[in-house]
Amino acid sequence: MSVVTSAEFQRKLGLYQDKALAEPVTITKNGRDRLVLLSVEEYRRLKRRDRRVFSIDEITDEQLAAVEAARVPEQYAYLDAELKDWKP
């Protein structure tokens, strides 16, 4: 994920808009994360996840097997950093 100051973001808006199509861009202000710019496709994907809820009783064996077999494509390996502070 790219990190850029708000001043740099304002100077090179087009560059960071293009970068956000490939990966989220964190925009900082006064040294603190303030905003994240991401593609509309990624935003929609995240919004869809909010709405897809299953009861454990509704999941079929086939769906469970699909989840167990799922692998993250290498292009999204940077997202592993999102889990570094995750606690069950």
Foldseek 3Di string as FASTA:
>chain_A
DAEEEPVVCVVPVVVQLVVQAQPWYFYDYPPHTDDIRHDPVVVVVVVVVVVDDDDPVPDDPVNVVCVVPDDDPPSCPVCVVVCPPDDD
